Protein backbone atom coordinates (compact mmCIF):
# COMPACT_ATOMS: atom_id res chain seq x y z
CA MET A 1 -14.20 18.79 42.64
CA ASN A 2 -15.14 20.23 39.28
CA ASN A 3 -16.76 23.61 39.77
CA LYS A 4 -17.59 24.14 36.13
CA LYS A 5 -21.29 24.10 35.46
CA ARG A 6 -22.36 21.75 32.74
CA MET A 7 -24.88 23.03 30.26
CA LYS A 8 -28.20 21.24 30.61
CA PRO A 9 -29.29 19.25 27.51
CA ARG A 10 -32.43 21.36 27.13
CA ILE A 11 -30.42 24.61 27.16
CA PHE A 12 -27.80 23.15 24.81
CA ILE A 13 -30.46 22.08 22.31
CA LYS A 14 -32.17 25.46 22.53
CA LYS A 15 -28.90 27.31 21.98
CA TYR A 16 -27.41 25.08 19.27
CA TRP A 17 -30.50 23.60 17.61
CA ARG A 18 -29.33 24.82 14.20
CA LEU A 19 -26.08 22.90 14.56
CA ILE A 20 -27.90 19.76 15.68
CA LEU A 21 -30.63 19.86 13.02
CA GLY A 22 -28.30 20.82 10.19
CA GLY A 23 -25.75 18.22 11.24
CA ALA A 24 -28.43 15.52 11.39
CA ILE A 25 -29.72 16.35 7.89
CA ILE A 26 -26.27 16.44 6.30
CA ALA A 27 -25.21 13.29 8.16
CA ALA A 28 -28.27 11.51 6.73
CA VAL A 29 -27.47 12.73 3.20
CA ILE A 30 -23.82 11.64 3.50
CA LEU A 31 -24.78 8.22 4.87
CA CYS A 32 -27.27 7.71 2.04
CA SER A 33 -24.59 8.52 -0.52
CA ILE A 34 -22.04 6.20 1.12
CA PHE A 35 -24.42 3.27 1.57
CA ALA A 36 -26.30 3.78 -1.71
CA PRO A 37 -25.59 0.19 -2.92
CA PHE A 38 -27.31 -1.14 0.21
CA LEU A 39 -30.35 1.13 -0.14
CA THR A 40 -31.33 0.11 -3.66
CA ASP A 41 -31.04 -3.00 -5.84
CA PHE A 42 -31.03 -1.05 -9.11
CA ASP A 43 -28.18 0.33 -11.20
CA PRO A 44 -28.73 4.09 -11.67
CA GLU A 45 -27.44 3.92 -15.25
CA PHE A 46 -29.20 0.74 -16.34
CA VAL A 47 -31.67 1.43 -19.17
CA ASP A 48 -34.80 -0.73 -19.34
CA MET A 49 -37.39 0.59 -21.77
CA ASP A 50 -39.85 -2.11 -20.69
CA VAL A 51 -40.41 -0.28 -17.39
CA ALA A 52 -39.96 3.28 -18.65
CA LYS A 53 -42.05 5.97 -16.93
CA ALA A 54 -43.22 3.66 -14.16
CA ARG A 55 -45.18 5.27 -11.37
CA PRO A 56 -43.80 5.25 -7.80
CA GLY A 57 -44.08 1.75 -6.36
CA GLU A 58 -44.57 -0.03 -9.68
CA GLY A 59 -42.30 -2.99 -10.35
CA GLY A 60 -40.44 -2.50 -7.08
CA HIS A 61 -39.27 1.00 -8.05
CA LEU A 62 -39.75 3.14 -4.94
CA LEU A 63 -39.90 6.47 -6.83
CA GLY A 64 -40.72 5.06 -10.24
CA THR A 65 -38.54 5.26 -13.34
CA ASP A 66 -37.61 7.95 -15.85
CA ALA A 67 -38.17 8.05 -19.62
CA LEU A 68 -35.35 5.52 -20.14
CA GLY A 69 -36.51 3.11 -17.46
CA ARG A 70 -33.79 4.06 -14.98
CA ASP A 71 -34.73 3.83 -11.31
CA VAL A 72 -35.29 7.35 -9.92
CA TRP A 73 -34.51 6.42 -6.31
CA ALA A 74 -31.18 4.89 -7.36
CA ARG A 75 -30.31 7.99 -9.40
CA ILE A 76 -31.15 10.24 -6.45
CA LEU A 77 -28.91 8.21 -4.14
CA TYR A 78 -25.97 7.96 -6.52
CA GLY A 79 -26.48 11.55 -7.67
CA SER A 80 -25.81 12.70 -4.11
CA ARG A 81 -22.27 11.35 -4.44
CA SER A 82 -21.24 13.61 -7.31
CA THR A 83 -23.05 16.57 -5.74
CA LEU A 84 -21.36 16.19 -2.35
CA VAL A 85 -17.90 15.41 -3.73
CA VAL A 86 -17.88 18.39 -6.08
CA SER A 87 -19.54 20.83 -3.65
CA ILE A 88 -17.38 19.98 -0.64
CA GLY A 89 -14.22 19.64 -2.74
CA ALA A 90 -14.77 23.02 -4.40
CA GLU A 91 -15.42 24.70 -1.06
CA VAL A 92 -12.32 23.15 0.53
CA LEU A 93 -10.09 24.17 -2.38
CA GLY A 94 -11.59 27.66 -2.57
CA THR A 95 -11.15 28.18 1.17
CA ILE A 96 -7.50 27.09 1.04
CA MET A 97 -6.67 29.30 -1.95
CA GLY A 98 -8.54 32.26 -0.44
CA ALA A 99 -6.78 31.81 2.90
CA VAL A 100 -3.33 31.71 1.29
CA LEU A 101 -4.00 34.79 -0.83
CA GLY A 102 -5.57 36.60 2.12
CA LEU A 103 -2.53 35.91 4.30
CA ILE A 104 -0.18 37.17 1.59
CA CYS A 105 -2.24 40.30 0.91
CA GLY A 106 -2.63 41.12 4.59
CA TYR A 107 0.99 40.58 5.55
CA TYR A 108 2.75 41.99 2.49
CA THR A 109 1.55 45.46 1.51
CA LYS A 110 3.14 45.42 -1.93
CA ALA A 111 1.51 42.13 -2.86
CA GLU A 112 -1.85 43.45 -1.70
CA LYS A 113 -1.86 46.26 -4.27
CA ILE A 114 -1.61 43.76 -7.13
CA LEU A 115 -3.46 40.68 -5.89
CA MET A 116 -6.47 42.44 -4.36
CA ARG A 117 -7.13 44.42 -7.54
CA PHE A 118 -7.01 41.17 -9.49
CA LEU A 119 -9.38 39.47 -7.04
CA ASP A 120 -11.73 42.46 -7.06
CA GLY A 121 -12.04 42.05 -10.81
CA PHE A 122 -12.98 38.39 -10.39
CA SER A 123 -15.56 39.22 -7.75
CA THR A 124 -17.52 41.38 -10.22
CA ILE A 125 -18.33 38.34 -12.35
CA PRO A 126 -21.52 36.44 -11.30
CA ASN A 127 -20.59 33.12 -9.71
CA LEU A 128 -22.55 30.89 -12.10
CA LEU A 129 -21.20 32.70 -15.15
CA LEU A 130 -17.67 32.41 -13.76
CA CYS A 131 -18.18 28.66 -13.21
CA MET A 132 -19.42 28.24 -16.77
CA MET A 133 -16.38 30.11 -18.09
CA MET A 134 -14.00 27.98 -16.02
CA VAL A 135 -15.67 24.72 -17.09
CA SER A 136 -15.32 25.75 -20.73
CA ILE A 137 -11.61 26.42 -20.11
CA PHE A 138 -10.71 23.39 -17.97
CA GLY A 139 -13.07 20.90 -19.60
CA ALA A 140 -15.44 18.28 -18.19
CA GLY A 141 -14.85 15.89 -15.31
CA ILE A 142 -15.21 16.05 -11.54
CA PRO A 143 -11.65 17.33 -10.80
CA ASN A 144 -12.02 20.12 -13.37
CA LEU A 145 -15.48 20.96 -12.07
CA ILE A 146 -14.13 21.23 -8.51
CA LEU A 147 -11.39 23.57 -9.71
CA ALA A 148 -13.82 25.68 -11.74
CA MET A 149 -16.31 26.07 -8.87
CA SER A 150 -13.64 26.80 -6.26
CA ILE A 151 -12.48 30.01 -7.94
CA GLY A 152 -15.73 31.87 -7.33
CA GLY A 153 -15.35 31.86 -3.54
CA VAL A 154 -11.68 32.85 -3.46
CA PRO A 155 -12.07 36.68 -3.54
CA GLY A 156 -14.49 36.78 -0.60
CA THR A 157 -12.37 34.46 1.54
CA ALA A 158 -9.17 36.31 0.65
CA ARG A 159 -10.72 39.67 1.55
CA MET A 160 -11.98 38.36 4.90
CA ILE A 161 -8.60 36.85 5.88
CA ARG A 162 -6.76 39.95 4.68
CA ASN A 163 -8.83 42.11 7.02
CA GLN A 164 -8.09 39.77 9.91
CA VAL A 165 -4.35 39.81 9.18
CA LEU A 166 -4.32 43.61 8.98
CA SER A 167 -5.82 43.80 12.47
CA LEU A 168 -3.45 41.16 13.86
CA ARG A 169 -0.07 42.07 12.41
CA GLU A 170 0.25 45.20 14.57
CA LYS A 171 -0.58 43.39 17.82
CA GLU A 172 2.04 43.31 20.56
CA PHE A 173 2.58 39.54 20.45
CA ILE A 174 3.31 39.73 16.70
CA GLU A 175 5.77 42.58 17.23
CA SER A 176 7.42 40.54 20.00
CA GLU A 177 7.86 37.59 17.67
CA LYS A 178 9.48 39.81 15.05
CA ALA A 179 11.77 41.36 17.66
CA MET A 180 12.95 37.89 18.68
CA GLY A 181 13.93 37.17 15.08
CA ALA A 182 10.98 35.04 13.96
CA GLY A 183 10.70 34.77 10.19
CA ASP A 184 7.62 35.67 8.18
CA THR A 185 6.64 32.04 7.62
CA ARG A 186 6.78 31.25 11.34
CA THR A 187 4.92 34.42 12.28
CA VAL A 188 2.13 33.85 9.77
CA GLY A 189 1.88 30.09 10.20
CA LEU A 190 2.10 29.83 13.99
CA HIS A 191 0.65 33.09 15.23
CA ILE A 192 -1.61 34.68 12.64
CA LEU A 193 -3.23 31.73 10.87
CA PRO A 194 -4.54 30.07 14.09
CA HIS A 195 -6.44 33.27 14.89
CA CYS A 196 -8.14 33.06 11.48
CA THR A 197 -9.17 29.40 11.74
CA SER A 198 -12.62 30.00 13.21
CA TYR A 199 -13.42 32.53 10.49
CA LEU A 200 -12.33 30.05 7.82
CA ILE A 201 -14.52 27.30 9.29
CA VAL A 202 -17.53 29.62 9.39
CA ARG A 203 -16.85 30.77 5.83
CA PHE A 204 -16.48 27.19 4.64
CA SER A 205 -19.67 25.95 6.29
CA ASN A 206 -21.72 28.91 5.05
CA GLY A 207 -20.48 28.43 1.48
CA LEU A 208 -21.52 24.79 1.14
CA ALA A 209 -25.18 25.55 0.38
CA GLY A 210 -24.17 27.86 -2.47
CA SER A 211 -21.79 25.23 -3.83
CA VAL A 212 -24.60 22.65 -3.96
CA LEU A 213 -26.79 25.11 -5.89
CA SER A 214 -23.94 25.92 -8.29
CA MET A 215 -23.24 22.23 -8.83
CA THR A 216 -26.87 21.39 -9.57
CA SER A 217 -27.19 24.42 -11.84
CA LEU A 218 -24.17 23.37 -13.90
CA SER A 219 -25.36 19.76 -14.16
CA PHE A 220 -28.82 21.02 -15.12
CA LEU A 221 -27.20 22.92 -17.98
CA GLY A 222 -25.24 19.81 -18.97
CA LEU A 223 -21.84 21.25 -18.02
CA GLY A 224 -19.00 19.58 -16.16
CA LEU A 225 -20.25 15.99 -15.87
CA ASP A 226 -20.87 13.16 -18.31
CA PRO A 227 -24.61 13.26 -19.19
CA THR A 228 -24.92 9.57 -18.28
CA THR A 229 -23.61 10.19 -14.76
CA ALA A 230 -26.38 10.45 -12.17
CA SER A 231 -26.68 13.99 -10.83
CA TRP A 232 -29.53 15.94 -9.30
CA GLY A 233 -29.37 18.75 -11.83
CA GLY A 234 -29.27 16.24 -14.66
CA ILE A 235 -32.37 14.48 -13.30
CA ILE A 236 -34.27 17.77 -13.25
CA ASN A 237 -33.13 18.58 -16.78
CA GLU A 238 -34.39 15.23 -18.06
CA ALA A 239 -37.63 15.39 -16.04
CA GLN A 240 -38.78 18.84 -17.15
CA THR A 241 -40.24 17.51 -20.40
CA LEU A 242 -42.35 15.03 -18.39
CA LEU A 243 -43.41 17.49 -15.70
CA LEU A 244 -47.14 17.53 -16.48
CA VAL A 245 -47.48 13.75 -16.86
CA TYR A 246 -44.84 12.35 -14.46
CA PRO A 247 -44.14 15.12 -11.89
CA HIS A 248 -42.78 12.68 -9.30
CA ILE A 249 -39.37 12.58 -11.01
CA LEU A 250 -38.89 16.33 -10.75
CA ILE A 251 -40.33 16.48 -7.25
CA ALA A 252 -37.95 13.78 -5.94
CA ALA A 253 -34.84 15.56 -7.22
CA THR A 254 -36.10 18.96 -6.05
CA VAL A 255 -36.77 17.65 -2.54
CA ALA A 256 -33.27 16.15 -2.38
CA ILE A 257 -31.66 19.43 -3.46
CA SER A 258 -33.82 21.58 -1.17
CA LEU A 259 -33.21 19.35 1.84
CA THR A 260 -29.45 19.34 1.30
CA VAL A 261 -29.25 23.10 0.76
CA PHE A 262 -31.41 23.67 3.84
CA GLY A 263 -29.21 21.32 5.87
CA PHE A 264 -25.98 23.04 4.83
CA SER A 265 -27.49 26.51 5.37
CA ILE A 266 -28.72 25.80 8.88
CA LEU A 267 -25.52 23.90 9.70
CA GLY A 268 -23.51 26.94 8.62
CA ASP A 269 -25.60 29.15 10.90
CA GLY A 270 -25.04 26.71 13.77
CA VAL A 271 -21.28 26.67 13.22
CA ARG A 272 -21.30 30.47 13.13
CA ASP A 273 -23.18 30.61 16.44
CA LEU A 274 -20.64 28.24 17.95
CA LEU A 275 -17.39 29.75 16.64
CA ASP A 276 -17.96 33.40 15.78
CA PRO A 277 -16.67 35.32 18.83
CA ARG A 278 -18.81 38.32 17.98
CA LEU A 279 -21.96 36.26 18.65
CA ARG A 280 -20.89 34.76 21.98
């Protein structure tokens, strides 16, 4: 007989409502981006001046059209693809690089003196300015944009993992492994890194909202992506000149960005509540 008490659905929802709500919002955004061709009949890049600046609902355009006659709803849907790919990709790459550097700095004292000073210098540069600098160096395109955006989160992740490694490397089970002849790679990979996994997941989930804002900011400034590619920041940039006459274009893109950022933020809080041992 199983003596473990199962958590009642009402208690589970009350305890992890952030995880549920945030997960539902982000799942909806991801599904909309994946099934975009089935949710609209219009090409997001097709220019039709005959229907330019159509109001929402006119001519079968759910959210109207922009100054070039492109369907706003289609551009919102397809714009979510570039936003999610770049934001999630940058956060994944930044987390991996930060974890590797943090493990090296925490385990090897000599490496820490050099690498941490270098990372501290990077952390003094504002994230958006750093992204702009990296984009200017690497050039345009989604892969280059992912690389440019990933660098900003590396110092914080590296510092967090370094602190965890410093507290773990003197533990008895680590000393036992060393005494039995385990190499550094085995010790770090099999015994230290698993203890840092939950912190990395929390860091990753909490950083997604900031990545979305950075991505939309760069596309708003016209950096990183082809101007013809549908992106939420690009839609806002193009709609600002029509704000007083056709505000629906700006509102639609703003709602999409706000909803996604809110979803990632609350999802990150939910993941933290679930995994962070200090909050259990």
